[in-house]
Amino acid sequence: MKSAFSHKSQEQKQEWAHNQAYIALGNFLTCAASMKIDSCPMTGFDKPGFDKVLGLHEKGLTSSIICPIGYRHPSDEQARSPKVRFDFDDIIMEL
């Protein structure tokens, strides 16, 4: 690892670190699901805004992903709605 990273720019190291966050996210989502806790991973958010609010720059950190978790409200009508599932052939294209 030291050898591989010694040839990478700071931007490449940062990109690698952001991608590693997805490994942790996968474990986090699995654990939440096993505990029957709802979660919703998100990208496409205002990263500089989150970094500023959370004071990440001062700690030498940046945000990668956000993932709110929690329990559904008992009176949430959508929670009891049937799930939407697409046909396999409509979403998978074999090459």
PDB file of N, CA and C in Angstrom:
ATOM      1  N   MET A   1       0.821  -1.183   0.000  1.00  0.00           N
ATOM      2  CA  MET A   1       0.000   0.000   0.000  1.00  0.00           C
ATOM      3  C   MET A   1       0.873   1.257   0.000  1.00  0.00           C
ATOM      4  N   LYS A   2       1.921   1.259   0.817  1.00  0.00           N
ATOM      5  CA  LYS A   2       2.777   2.448   0.872  1.00  0.00           C
ATOM      6  C   LYS A   2       3.378   2.730  -0.495  1.00  0.00           C
ATOM      7  N   SER A   3       3.809   1.683  -1.173  1.00  0.00           N
ATOM      8  CA  SER A   3       4.402   1.851  -2.491  1.00  0.00           C
ATOM      9  C   SER A   3       3.370   2.362  -3.497  1.00  0.00           C
ATOM     10  N   ALA A   4       2.187   1.790  -3.462  1.00  0.00           N
ATOM     11  CA  ALA A   4       1.133   2.197  -4.397  1.00  0.00           C
ATOM     12  C   ALA A   4       0.726   3.647  -4.167  1.00  0.00           C
ATOM     13  N   PHE A   5       0.634   4.046  -2.915  1.00  0.00           N
ATOM     14  CA  PHE A   5       0.210   5.414  -2.604  1.00  0.00           C
ATOM     15  C   PHE A   5       1.314   6.439  -2.822  1.00  0.00           C
ATOM     16  N   SER A   6       2.551   6.025  -2.777  1.00  0.00           N
ATOM     17  CA  SER A   6       3.652   6.982  -2.941  1.00  0.00           C
ATOM     18  C   SER A   6       3.659   7.601  -4.328  1.00  0.00           C
ATOM     19  N   HIS A   7       3.026   6.955  -5.292  1.00  0.00           N
ATOM     20  CA  HIS A   7       3.009   7.462  -6.668  1.00  0.00           C
ATOM     21  C   HIS A   7       1.717   8.193  -7.002  1.00  0.00           C
ATOM     22  N   LYS A   8       0.816   8.293  -6.067  1.00  0.00           N
ATOM     23  CA  LYS A   8      -0.473   8.937  -6.321  1.00  0.00           C
ATOM     24  C   LYS A   8      -0.453  10.390  -5.863  1.00  0.00           C
ATOM     25  N   SER A   9      -1.195  11.215  -6.606  1.00  0.00           N
ATOM     26  CA  SER A   9      -1.352  12.618  -6.217  1.00  0.00           C
ATOM     27  C   SER A   9      -2.323  12.697  -5.040  1.00  0.00           C
ATOM     28  N   GLN A  10      -2.385  13.846  -4.413  1.00  0.00           N
ATOM     29  CA  GLN A  10      -3.319  14.043  -3.293  1.00  0.00           C
ATOM     30  C   GLN A  10      -4.758  13.838  -3.766  1.00  0.00           C
ATOM     31  N   GLU A  11      -5.063  14.293  -4.979  1.00  0.00           N
ATOM     32  CA  GLU A  11      -6.412  14.124  -5.520  1.00  0.00           C
ATOM     33  C   GLU A  11      -6.738  12.647  -5.735  1.00  0.00           C
ATOM     34  N   GLN A  12      -5.769  11.872  -6.214  1.00  0.00           N
ATOM     35  CA  GLN A  12      -5.984  10.435  -6.415  1.00  0.00           C
ATOM     36  C   GLN A  12      -6.178   9.713  -5.077  1.00  0.00           C
ATOM     37  N   LYS A  13      -5.423  10.123  -4.082  1.00  0.00           N
ATOM     38  CA  LYS A  13      -5.582   9.534  -2.747  1.00  0.00           C
ATOM     39  C   LYS A  13      -6.972   9.859  -2.185  1.00  0.00           C
ATOM     40  N   GLN A  14      -7.405  11.097  -2.401  1.00  0.00           N
ATOM     41  CA  GLN A  14      -8.727  11.530  -1.920  1.00  0.00           C
ATOM     42  C   GLN A  14      -9.823  10.719  -2.618  1.00  0.00           C
ATOM     43  N   GLU A  15      -9.701  10.529  -3.926  1.00  0.00           N
ATOM     44  CA  GLU A  15     -10.686   9.757  -4.676  1.00  0.00           C
ATOM     45  C   GLU A  15     -10.734   8.317  -4.176  1.00  0.00           C
ATOM     46  N   TRP A  16      -9.583   7.730  -3.922  1.00  0.00           N
ATOM     47  CA  TRP A  16      -9.515   6.368  -3.385  1.00  0.00           C
ATOM     48  C   TRP A  16     -10.243   6.303  -2.035  1.00  0.00           C
ATOM     49  N   ALA A  17      -9.989   7.274  -1.186  1.00  0.00           N
ATOM     50  CA  ALA A  17     -10.616   7.298   0.136  1.00  0.00           C
ATOM     51  C   ALA A  17     -12.135   7.425   0.027  1.00  0.00           C
ATOM     52  N   HIS A  18     -12.608   8.275  -0.875  1.00  0.00           N
ATOM     53  CA  HIS A  18     -14.055   8.415  -1.073  1.00  0.00           C
ATOM     54  C   HIS A  18     -14.665   7.091  -1.527  1.00  0.00           C
ATOM     55  N   ASN A  19     -13.983   6.386  -2.414  1.00  0.00           N
ATOM     56  CA  ASN A  19     -14.495   5.096  -2.879  1.00  0.00           C
ATOM     57  C   ASN A  19     -14.506   4.054  -1.764  1.00  0.00           C
ATOM     58  N   GLN A  20     -13.560   4.130  -0.862  1.00  0.00           N
ATOM     59  CA  GLN A  20     -13.521   3.194   0.267  1.00  0.00           C
ATOM     60  C   GLN A  20     -14.726   3.383   1.178  1.00  0.00           C
ATOM     61  N   ALA A  21     -15.276   4.575   1.204  1.00  0.00           N
ATOM     62  CA  ALA A  21     -16.443   4.845   2.040  1.00  0.00           C
ATOM     63  C   ALA A  21     -17.625   3.958   1.637  1.00  0.00           C
ATOM     64  N   TYR A  22     -17.680   3.569   0.369  1.00  0.00           N
ATOM     65  CA  TYR A  22     -18.783   2.724  -0.082  1.00  0.00           C
ATOM     66  C   TYR A  22     -18.716   1.319   0.518  1.00  0.00           C
ATOM     67  N   ILE A  23     -17.525   0.853   0.831  1.00  0.00           N
ATOM     68  CA  ILE A  23     -17.394  -0.446   1.506  1.00  0.00           C
ATOM     69  C   ILE A  23     -18.019  -0.353   2.897  1.00  0.00           C
ATOM     70  N   ALA A  24     -17.680   0.699   3.624  1.00  0.00           N
ATOM     71  CA  ALA A  24     -18.265   0.906   4.954  1.00  0.00           C
ATOM     72  C   ALA A  24     -19.769   1.120   4.852  1.00  0.00           C
ATOM     73  N   LEU A  25     -20.196   1.839   3.823  1.00  0.00           N
ATOM     74  CA  LEU A  25     -21.631   2.081   3.635  1.00  0.00           C
ATOM     75  C   LEU A  25     -22.383   0.770   3.446  1.00  0.00           C
ATOM     76  N   GLY A  26     -21.826  -0.146   2.665  1.00  0.00           N
ATOM     77  CA  GLY A  26     -22.471  -1.437   2.462  1.00  0.00           C
ATOM     78  C   GLY A  26     -22.675  -2.177   3.768  1.00  0.00           C
ATOM     79  N   ASN A  27     -21.648  -2.180   4.609  1.00  0.00           N
ATOM     80  CA  ASN A  27     -21.769  -2.823   5.924  1.00  0.00           C
ATOM     81  C   ASN A  27     -22.793  -2.105   6.799  1.00  0.00           C
ATOM     82  N   PHE A  28     -22.774  -0.791   6.749  1.00  0.00           N
ATOM     83  CA  PHE A  28     -23.711   0.014   7.531  1.00  0.00           C
ATOM     84  C   PHE A  28     -25.154  -0.301   7.134  1.00  0.00           C
ATOM     85  N   LEU A  29     -25.430  -0.359   5.827  1.00  0.00           N
ATOM     86  CA  LEU A  29     -26.779  -0.643   5.345  1.00  0.00           C
ATOM     87  C   LEU A  29     -27.226  -2.049   5.734  1.00  0.00           C
ATOM     88  N   THR A  30     -26.305  -3.001   5.643  1.00  0.00           N
ATOM     89  CA  THR A  30     -26.621  -4.371   6.022  1.00  0.00           C
ATOM     90  C   THR A  30     -26.964  -4.457   7.507  1.00  0.00           C
ATOM     91  N   CYS A  31     -26.158  -3.815   8.332  1.00  0.00           N
ATOM     92  CA  CYS A  31     -26.412  -3.820   9.783  1.00  0.00           C
ATOM     93  C   CYS A  31     -27.739  -3.145  10.109  1.00  0.00           C
ATOM     94  N   ALA A  32     -28.001  -2.008   9.483  1.00  0.00           N
ATOM     95  CA  ALA A  32     -29.260  -1.304   9.735  1.00  0.00           C
ATOM     96  C   ALA A  32     -30.445  -2.185   9.334  1.00  0.00           C
ATOM     97  N   ALA A  33     -30.355  -2.816   8.171  1.00  0.00           N
ATOM     98  CA  ALA A  33     -31.453  -3.678   7.711  1.00  0.00           C
ATOM     99  C   ALA A  33     -31.660  -4.855   8.660  1.00  0.00           C
ATOM    100  N   SER A  34     -30.569  -5.436   9.145  1.00  0.00           N
ATOM    101  CA  SER A  34     -30.707  -6.580  10.053  1.00  0.00           C
ATOM    102  C   SER A  34     -31.341  -6.172  11.373  1.00  0.00           C
ATOM    103  N   MET A  35     -31.220  -4.893  11.710  1.00  0.00           N
ATOM    104  CA  MET A  35     -31.831  -4.379  12.939  1.00  0.00           C
ATOM    105  C   MET A  35     -33.211  -3.761  12.671  1.00  0.00           C
ATOM    106  N   LYS A  36     -33.690  -3.909  11.416  1.00  0.00           N
ATOM    107  CA  LYS A  36     -34.976  -3.355  10.986  1.00  0.00           C
ATOM    108  C   LYS A  36     -35.018  -1.834  11.137  1.00  0.00           C
ATOM    109  N   ILE A  37     -33.886  -1.202  10.818  1.00  0.00           N
ATOM    110  CA  ILE A  37     -33.789   0.257  10.819  1.00  0.00           C
ATOM    111  C   ILE A  37     -33.744   0.707   9.367  1.00  0.00           C
ATOM    112  N   ASP A  38     -34.601   1.654   9.005  1.00  0.00           N
ATOM    113  CA  ASP A  38     -34.635   2.159   7.641  1.00  0.00           C
ATOM    114  C   ASP A  38     -33.431   3.048   7.374  1.00  0.00           C
ATOM    115  N   SER A  39     -32.959   3.018   6.143  1.00  0.00           N
ATOM    116  CA  SER A  39     -31.824   3.869   5.754  1.00  0.00           C
ATOM    117  C   SER A  39     -31.986   4.294   4.306  1.00  0.00           C
ATOM    118  N   CYS A  40     -31.326   5.368   3.939  1.00  0.00           N
ATOM    119  CA  CYS A  40     -31.437   5.882   2.576  1.00  0.00           C
ATOM    120  C   CYS A  40     -30.120   6.558   2.174  1.00  0.00           C
ATOM    121  N   PRO A  41     -29.178   5.789   1.596  1.00  0.00           N
ATOM    122  CA  PRO A  41     -27.911   6.406   1.198  1.00  0.00           C
ATOM    123  C   PRO A  41     -28.125   7.411   0.058  1.00  0.00           C
ATOM    124  N   MET A  42     -27.380   8.505   0.106  1.00  0.00           N
ATOM    125  CA  MET A  42     -27.555   9.557  -0.899  1.00  0.00           C
ATOM    126  C   MET A  42     -26.203  10.117  -1.337  1.00  0.00           C
ATOM    127  N   THR A  43     -26.127  10.410  -2.620  1.00  0.00           N
ATOM    128  CA  THR A  43     -25.023  11.191  -3.171  1.00  0.00           C
ATOM    129  C   THR A  43     -25.659  12.385  -3.870  1.00  0.00           C
ATOM    130  N   GLY A  44     -24.860  13.218  -4.494  1.00  0.00           N
ATOM    131  CA  GLY A  44     -25.420  14.374  -5.190  1.00  0.00           C
ATOM    132  C   GLY A  44     -25.856  15.480  -4.256  1.00  0.00           C
ATOM    133  N   PHE A  45     -25.326  15.506  -3.053  1.00  0.00           N
ATOM    134  CA  PHE A  45     -25.666  16.550  -2.088  1.00  0.00           C
ATOM    135  C   PHE A  45     -24.596  17.645  -2.120  1.00  0.00           C
ATOM    136  N   ASP A  46     -24.835  18.723  -1.436  1.00  0.00           N
ATOM    137  CA  ASP A  46     -23.908  19.856  -1.389  1.00  0.00           C
ATOM    138  C   ASP A  46     -22.759  19.526  -0.437  1.00  0.00           C
ATOM    139  N   LYS A  47     -21.733  18.870  -0.965  1.00  0.00           N
ATOM    140  CA  LYS A  47     -20.612  18.433  -0.122  1.00  0.00           C
ATOM    141  C   LYS A  47     -19.920  19.602   0.577  1.00  0.00           C
ATOM    142  N   PRO A  48     -19.597  20.688  -0.142  1.00  0.00           N
ATOM    143  CA  PRO A  48     -18.965  21.815   0.568  1.00  0.00           C
ATOM    144  C   PRO A  48     -19.848  22.376   1.685  1.00  0.00           C
ATOM    145  N   GLY A  49     -21.157  22.385   1.464  1.00  0.00           N
ATOM    146  CA  GLY A  49     -22.080  22.865   2.491  1.00  0.00           C
ATOM    147  C   GLY A  49     -22.071  21.965   3.716  1.00  0.00           C
ATOM    148  N   PHE A  50     -22.118  20.654   3.494  1.00  0.00           N
ATOM    149  CA  PHE A  50     -22.056  19.703   4.615  1.00  0.00           C
ATOM    150  C   PHE A  50     -20.714  19.839   5.340  1.00  0.00           C
ATOM    151  N   ASP A  51     -19.643  19.922   4.567  1.00  0.00           N
ATOM    152  CA  ASP A  51     -18.319  20.044   5.175  1.00  0.00           C
ATOM    153  C   ASP A  51     -18.233  21.273   6.076  1.00  0.00           C
ATOM    154  N   LYS A  52     -18.828  22.379   5.606  1.00  0.00           N
ATOM    155  CA  LYS A  52     -18.789  23.618   6.384  1.00  0.00           C
ATOM    156  C   LYS A  52     -19.601  23.485   7.673  1.00  0.00           C
ATOM    157  N   VAL A  53     -20.834  22.994   7.550  1.00  0.00           N
ATOM    158  CA  VAL A  53     -21.713  22.864   8.717  1.00  0.00           C
ATOM    159  C   VAL A  53     -21.111  21.922   9.754  1.00  0.00           C
ATOM    160  N   LEU A  54     -20.501  20.833   9.278  1.00  0.00           N
ATOM    161  CA  LEU A  54     -19.933  19.842  10.196  1.00  0.00           C
ATOM    162  C   LEU A  54     -18.504  20.169  10.641  1.00  0.00           C
ATOM    163  N   GLY A  55     -17.933  21.259  10.112  1.00  0.00           N
ATOM    164  CA  GLY A  55     -16.576  21.639  10.488  1.00  0.00           C
ATOM    165  C   GLY A  55     -15.531  20.625  10.051  1.00  0.00           C
ATOM    166  N   LEU A  56     -15.759  19.984   8.907  1.00  0.00           N
ATOM    167  CA  LEU A  56     -14.841  18.935   8.469  1.00  0.00           C
ATOM    168  C   LEU A  56     -13.513  19.483   7.956  1.00  0.00           C
ATOM    169  N   HIS A  57     -13.542  20.648   7.309  1.00  0.00           N
ATOM    170  CA  HIS A  57     -12.307  21.211   6.758  1.00  0.00           C
ATOM    171  C   HIS A  57     -11.248  21.413   7.841  1.00  0.00           C
ATOM    172  N   GLU A  58     -11.687  21.898   8.991  1.00  0.00           N
ATOM    173  CA  GLU A  58     -10.757  22.134  10.099  1.00  0.00           C
ATOM    174  C   GLU A  58     -10.123  20.844  10.600  1.00  0.00           C
ATOM    175  N   LYS A  59     -10.774  19.722  10.345  1.00  0.00           N
ATOM    176  CA  LYS A  59     -10.267  18.422  10.783  1.00  0.00           C
ATOM    177  C   LYS A  59      -9.539  17.685   9.665  1.00  0.00           C
ATOM    178  N   GLY A  60      -9.396  18.342   8.500  1.00  0.00           N
ATOM    179  CA  GLY A  60      -8.736  17.714   7.367  1.00  0.00           C
ATOM    180  C   GLY A  60      -9.584  16.639   6.711  1.00  0.00           C
ATOM    181  N   LEU A  61     -10.911  16.758   6.816  1.00  0.00           N
ATOM    182  CA  LEU A  61     -11.829  15.757   6.284  1.00  0.00           C
ATOM    183  C   LEU A  61     -12.763  16.357   5.249  1.00  0.00           C
ATOM    184  N   THR A  62     -13.378  15.512   4.452  1.00  0.00           N
ATOM    185  CA  THR A  62     -14.442  15.918   3.535  1.00  0.00           C
ATOM    186  C   THR A  62     -15.526  14.849   3.567  1.00  0.00           C
ATOM    187  N   SER A  63     -16.729  15.240   3.189  1.00  0.00           N
ATOM    188  CA  SER A  63     -17.828  14.278   3.154  1.00  0.00           C
ATOM    189  C   SER A  63     -17.789  13.483   1.852  1.00  0.00           C
ATOM    190  N   SER A  64     -18.288  12.256   1.919  1.00  0.00           N
ATOM    191  CA  SER A  64     -18.363  11.377   0.746  1.00  0.00           C
ATOM    192  C   SER A  64     -19.805  11.013   0.426  1.00  0.00           C
ATOM    193  N   ILE A  65     -20.527  10.594   1.444  1.00  0.00           N
ATOM    194  CA  ILE A  65     -21.886  10.099   1.294  1.00  0.00           C
ATOM    195  C   ILE A  65     -22.664  10.535   2.526  1.00  0.00           C
ATOM    196  N   ILE A  66     -23.966  10.647   2.385  1.00  0.00           N
ATOM    197  CA  ILE A  66     -24.802  10.840   3.560  1.00  0.00           C
ATOM    198  C   ILE A  66     -25.820   9.703   3.591  1.00  0.00           C
ATOM    199  N   CYS A  67     -26.201   9.309   4.780  1.00  0.00           N
ATOM    200  CA  CYS A  67     -27.136   8.192   4.915  1.00  0.00           C
ATOM    201  C   CYS A  67     -27.976   8.368   6.169  1.00  0.00           C
ATOM    202  N   PRO A  68     -29.137   9.017   6.020  1.00  0.00           N
ATOM    203  CA  PRO A  68     -30.017   9.114   7.186  1.00  0.00           C
ATOM    204  C   PRO A  68     -30.583   7.745   7.546  1.00  0.00           C
ATOM    205  N   ILE A  69     -30.776   7.534   8.831  1.00  0.00           N
ATOM    206  CA  ILE A  69     -31.369   6.274   9.312  1.00  0.00           C
ATOM    207  C   ILE A  69     -32.465   6.603  10.317  1.00  0.00           C
ATOM    208  N   GLY A  70     -33.347   5.670  10.535  1.00  0.00           N
ATOM    209  CA  GLY A  70     -34.387   5.858  11.527  1.00  0.00           C
ATOM    210  C   GLY A  70     -35.494   4.843  11.366  1.00  0.00           C
ATOM    211  N   TYR A  71     -36.523   5.026  12.152  1.00  0.00           N
ATOM    212  CA  TYR A  71     -37.676   4.139  12.114  1.00  0.00           C
ATOM    213  C   TYR A  71     -38.841   4.862  11.464  1.00  0.00           C
ATOM    214  N   ARG A  72     -39.621   4.137  10.714  1.00  0.00           N
ATOM    215  CA  ARG A  72     -40.819   4.711  10.094  1.00  0.00           C
ATOM    216  C   ARG A  72     -41.845   5.041  11.174  1.00  0.00           C
ATOM    217  N   HIS A  73     -42.573   6.102  10.932  1.00  0.00           N
ATOM    218  CA  HIS A  73     -43.647   6.458  11.857  1.00  0.00           C
ATOM    219  C   HIS A  73     -44.753   5.413  11.729  1.00  0.00           C
ATOM    220  N   PRO A  74     -45.337   4.988  12.848  1.00  0.00           N
ATOM    221  CA  PRO A  74     -46.360   3.937  12.801  1.00  0.00           C
ATOM    222  C   PRO A  74     -47.553   4.276  11.904  1.00  0.00           C
ATOM    223  N   SER A  75     -47.850   5.555  11.727  1.00  0.00           N
ATOM    224  CA  SER A  75     -49.003   5.927  10.896  1.00  0.00           C
ATOM    225  C   SER A  75     -48.608   6.269   9.455  1.00  0.00           C
ATOM    226  N   ASP A  76     -47.387   5.943   9.065  1.00  0.00           N
ATOM    227  CA  ASP A  76     -46.923   6.208   7.692  1.00  0.00           C
ATOM    228  C   ASP A  76     -47.647   5.286   6.720  1.00  0.00           C
ATOM    229  N   GLU A  77     -48.542   5.849   5.921  1.00  0.00           N
ATOM    230  CA  GLU A  77     -49.326   5.063   4.967  1.00  0.00           C
ATOM    231  C   GLU A  77     -48.433   4.426   3.907  1.00  0.00           C
ATOM    232  N   GLN A  78     -47.382   5.106   3.497  1.00  0.00           N
ATOM    233  CA  GLN A  78     -46.498   4.580   2.461  1.00  0.00           C
ATOM    234  C   GLN A  78     -45.756   3.328   2.916  1.00  0.00           C
ATOM    235  N   ALA A  79     -45.530   3.194   4.205  1.00  0.00           N
ATOM    236  CA  ALA A  79     -44.811   2.036   4.727  1.00  0.00           C
ATOM    237  C   ALA A  79     -45.583   0.748   4.495  1.00  0.00           C
ATOM    238  N   ARG A  80     -46.892   0.858   4.398  1.00  0.00           N
ATOM    239  CA  ARG A  80     -47.712  -0.339   4.185  1.00  0.00           C
ATOM    240  C   ARG A  80     -48.074  -0.560   2.718  1.00  0.00           C
ATOM    241  N   SER A  81     -47.647   0.350   1.845  1.00  0.00           N
ATOM    242  CA  SER A  81     -47.942   0.195   0.417  1.00  0.00           C
ATOM    243  C   SER A  81     -47.129  -0.950  -0.165  1.00  0.00           C
ATOM    244  N   PRO A  82     -47.684  -1.621  -1.184  1.00  0.00           N
ATOM    245  CA  PRO A  82     -46.905  -2.699  -1.802  1.00  0.00           C
ATOM    246  C   PRO A  82     -45.635  -2.146  -2.449  1.00  0.00           C
ATOM    247  N   LYS A  83     -44.582  -2.921  -2.395  1.00  0.00           N
ATOM    248  CA  LYS A  83     -43.310  -2.510  -2.986  1.00  0.00           C
ATOM    249  C   LYS A  83     -43.409  -2.588  -4.505  1.00  0.00           C
ATOM    250  N   VAL A  84     -42.702  -1.706  -5.167  1.00  0.00           N
ATOM    251  CA  VAL A  84     -42.659  -1.708  -6.626  1.00  0.00           C
ATOM    252  C   VAL A  84     -41.438  -2.502  -7.056  1.00  0.00           C
ATOM    253  N   ARG A  85     -41.665  -3.528  -7.832  1.00  0.00           N
ATOM    254  CA  ARG A  85     -40.571  -4.339  -8.353  1.00  0.00           C
ATOM    255  C   ARG A  85     -40.709  -4.405  -9.868  1.00  0.00           C
ATOM    256  N   PHE A  86     -39.617  -4.126 -10.562  1.00  0.00           N
ATOM    257  CA  PHE A  86     -39.624  -4.177 -12.016  1.00  0.00           C
ATOM    258  C   PHE A  86     -39.254  -5.577 -12.489  1.00  0.00           C
ATOM    259  N   ASP A  87     -39.737  -5.959 -13.645  1.00  0.00           N
ATOM    260  CA  ASP A  87     -39.370  -7.243 -14.216  1.00  0.00           C
ATOM    261  C   ASP A  87     -37.878  -7.276 -14.500  1.00  0.00           C
ATOM    262  N   PHE A  88     -37.287  -8.411 -14.287  1.00  0.00           N
ATOM    263  CA  PHE A  88     -35.852  -8.614 -14.504  1.00  0.00           C
ATOM    264  C   PHE A  88     -35.444  -8.131 -15.892  1.00  0.00           C
ATOM    265  N   ASP A  89     -36.183  -8.502 -16.915  1.00  0.00           N
ATOM    266  CA  ASP A  89     -35.829  -8.155 -18.296  1.00  0.00           C
ATOM    267  C   ASP A  89     -35.930  -6.661 -18.576  1.00  0.00           C
ATOM    268  N   ASP A  90     -36.683  -5.941 -17.760  1.00  0.00           N
ATOM    269  CA  ASP A  90     -36.819  -4.492 -17.947  1.00  0.00           C
ATOM    270  C   ASP A  90     -35.646  -3.718 -17.368  1.00  0.00           C
ATOM    271  N   ILE A  91     -34.899  -4.317 -16.440  1.00  0.00           N
ATOM    272  CA  ILE A  91     -33.808  -3.567 -15.812  1.00  0.00           C
ATOM    273  C   ILE A  91     -32.428  -4.155 -16.053  1.00  0.00           C
ATOM    274  N   ILE A  92     -32.345  -5.369 -16.572  1.00  0.00           N
ATOM    275  CA  ILE A  92     -31.055  -6.023 -16.822  1.00  0.00           C
ATOM    276  C   ILE A  92     -30.858  -6.191 -18.314  1.00  0.00           C
ATOM    277  N   MET A  93     -29.686  -5.781 -18.787  1.00  0.00           N
ATOM    278  CA  MET A  93     -29.330  -5.970 -20.180  1.00  0.00           C
ATOM    279  C   MET A  93     -28.076  -6.831 -20.227  1.00  0.00           C
ATOM    280  N   GLU A  94     -28.183  -7.975 -20.855  1.00  0.00           N
ATOM    281  CA  GLU A  94     -27.027  -8.849 -20.972  1.00  0.00           C
ATOM    282  C   GLU A  94     -26.219  -8.438 -22.194  1.00  0.00           C
ATOM    283  N   LEU A  95     -24.913  -8.368 -22.022  1.00  0.00           N
ATOM    284  CA  LEU A  95     -24.026  -7.992 -23.133  1.00  0.00           C
ATOM    285  C   LEU A  95     -23.224  -9.176 -23.590  1.00  0.00           C
TER     286      LEU A  95
END
